[in-house]
Amino acid sequence: QVQLAESGGGLVQAGGSLRLSCEDSTGTFTAYAVGWFRQAPGKEREFVAAITWSGDNTYYSDSVKGRFTISRDNAKKTVYLQMNSLKREDTAVYYCNVKTPGGGDYWGQGTQVTVSS
């Protein structure tokens, strides 16, 4: 089982930075890729970034490329999303996600990010 918990959200001015964390209390997700997604009010959930289990490969949506950085520390059972140069359109609830080969699809409870102008 994977049990994910996001933290680090908050209110920030446009141009500012936040770092989100996603921790798996079981430590299981160190074997899997982890993704970050977000959902803004009235919109569908969308992909933001992903990282392979080793951290060797990362992927980003075009909307955040160059501004966000995903990383992981498997010893701390945590994946991070460093968000710089935040824009109002980055306002959303951010979720981390793990999909396992066995068909498991795990989500955290989400953390709210609000960017003010």
Protein backbone atom coordinates (compact mmCIF):
# COMPACT_ATOMS: atom_id res chain seq x y z
CA GLN A 1 0.00 0.00 0.00
CA VAL A 2 1.02 3.57 -0.66
CA GLN A 3 -0.16 6.35 1.62
CA LEU A 4 0.54 9.79 0.27
CA ALA A 5 0.38 13.11 2.09
CA GLU A 6 1.06 16.46 0.48
CA SER A 7 2.16 19.57 2.33
CA GLY A 8 3.69 22.96 1.67
CA GLY A 9 0.84 24.77 -0.01
CA GLY A 10 -0.23 28.27 0.90
CA LEU A 11 -0.81 31.81 -0.26
CA VAL A 12 1.96 33.49 -2.22
CA GLN A 13 2.25 36.58 -4.38
CA ALA A 14 2.80 36.29 -8.09
CA GLY A 15 6.48 35.84 -8.81
CA GLY A 16 7.06 34.07 -5.53
CA SER A 17 8.04 30.50 -4.73
CA LEU A 18 6.72 27.51 -2.82
CA ARG A 19 8.02 24.00 -2.28
CA LEU A 20 5.52 21.20 -2.03
CA SER A 21 6.29 17.87 -0.43
CA CYS A 22 4.70 14.48 -0.95
CA GLU A 23 5.53 11.87 1.64
CA ASP A 24 4.68 8.20 1.61
CA SER A 25 4.56 7.07 5.21
CA THR A 26 4.98 3.44 4.16
CA GLY A 27 8.08 4.08 2.07
CA THR A 28 6.64 1.89 -0.67
CA PHE A 29 6.70 4.54 -3.38
CA THR A 30 10.48 4.57 -3.51
CA ALA A 31 10.08 1.80 -6.11
CA TYR A 32 7.75 3.80 -8.35
CA ALA A 33 7.51 6.90 -10.46
CA VAL A 34 5.62 9.74 -8.81
CA GLY A 35 3.58 12.44 -10.47
CA TRP A 36 2.22 15.82 -9.46
CA PHE A 37 -1.16 16.93 -10.74
CA ARG A 38 -3.30 19.97 -10.06
CA GLN A 39 -6.94 20.92 -10.26
CA ALA A 40 -8.20 24.47 -10.46
CA PRO A 41 -11.80 25.38 -9.66
CA GLY A 42 -14.10 24.39 -12.48
CA LYS A 43 -11.33 22.64 -14.39
CA GLU A 44 -10.23 19.06 -14.84
CA ARG A 45 -7.23 17.66 -13.05
CA GLU A 46 -4.09 18.13 -15.14
CA PHE A 47 -0.59 16.72 -15.19
CA VAL A 48 2.18 18.96 -13.83
CA ALA A 49 5.36 16.92 -13.44
CA ALA A 50 6.67 13.40 -12.89
CA ILE A 51 9.86 11.70 -11.79
CA THR A 52 11.09 8.15 -12.22
CA TRP A 53 11.81 5.97 -9.21
CA SER A 54 15.54 6.66 -9.41
CA GLY A 55 15.11 10.35 -10.05
CA ASP A 56 17.13 10.06 -13.26
CA ASN A 57 14.30 11.25 -15.49
CA THR A 58 11.82 14.05 -15.03
CA TYR A 59 8.90 15.27 -17.11
CA TYR A 60 6.97 18.54 -17.11
CA SER A 61 3.92 20.04 -18.67
CA ASP A 62 4.63 22.91 -21.03
CA SER A 63 2.88 25.33 -18.70
CA VAL A 64 5.39 24.79 -15.86
CA LYS A 65 8.56 23.84 -17.72
CA GLY A 66 11.42 26.11 -16.68
CA ARG A 67 9.63 27.27 -13.54
CA PHE A 68 8.94 24.07 -11.57
CA THR A 69 11.41 21.38 -10.54
CA ILE A 70 10.49 17.91 -9.33
CA SER A 71 12.94 15.93 -7.22
CA ARG A 72 12.93 13.09 -4.74
CA ASP A 73 14.77 11.86 -1.70
CA ASN A 74 14.00 8.18 -1.32
CA ALA A 75 15.80 8.02 2.01
CA LYS A 76 13.26 10.53 3.31
CA LYS A 77 10.39 8.87 1.41
CA THR A 78 9.56 12.26 -0.07
CA VAL A 79 9.05 13.83 -3.48
CA TYR A 80 9.29 17.58 -3.85
CA LEU A 81 7.90 20.13 -6.27
CA GLN A 82 9.82 23.40 -6.22
CA MET A 83 7.66 26.08 -7.79
CA ASN A 84 9.27 29.36 -8.80
CA SER A 85 7.98 32.41 -10.67
CA LEU A 86 4.45 31.52 -9.67
CA LYS A 87 1.56 32.92 -11.69
CA ARG A 88 -2.09 33.40 -10.83
CA GLU A 89 -2.94 30.58 -13.19
CA ASP A 90 -0.93 28.20 -11.00
CA THR A 91 -3.63 28.52 -8.35
CA ALA A 92 -5.03 25.04 -7.76
CA VAL A 93 -5.12 22.09 -5.42
CA TYR A 94 -1.96 20.07 -6.00
CA TYR A 95 -1.94 16.30 -5.68
CA CYS A 96 0.76 13.68 -5.87
CA ASN A 97 0.05 10.35 -7.48
CA VAL A 98 1.54 6.89 -7.75
CA LYS A 99 0.42 4.25 -10.19
CA THR A 100 1.72 0.75 -9.58
CA PRO A 101 2.20 -2.04 -12.12
CA GLY A 102 -0.42 -4.04 -10.27
CA GLY A 103 -3.07 -1.45 -11.10
CA GLY A 104 -2.92 0.58 -7.93
CA ASP A 105 -3.70 4.28 -8.34
CA TYR A 106 -2.93 6.27 -5.21
CA TRP A 107 -3.60 9.93 -4.48
CA GLY A 108 -2.94 12.18 -1.54
CA GLN A 109 -5.51 14.55 -0.07
CA GLY A 110 -4.07 17.55 -1.91
CA THR A 111 -2.60 20.86 -0.83
CA GLN A 112 -3.98 24.25 -1.83
CA VAL A 113 -1.76 26.73 -3.65
CA THR A 114 -3.13 30.23 -4.10
CA VAL A 115 -1.21 32.83 -6.08
CA SER A 116 -2.31 36.44 -5.67
CA SER A 117 -1.52 39.31 -7.97
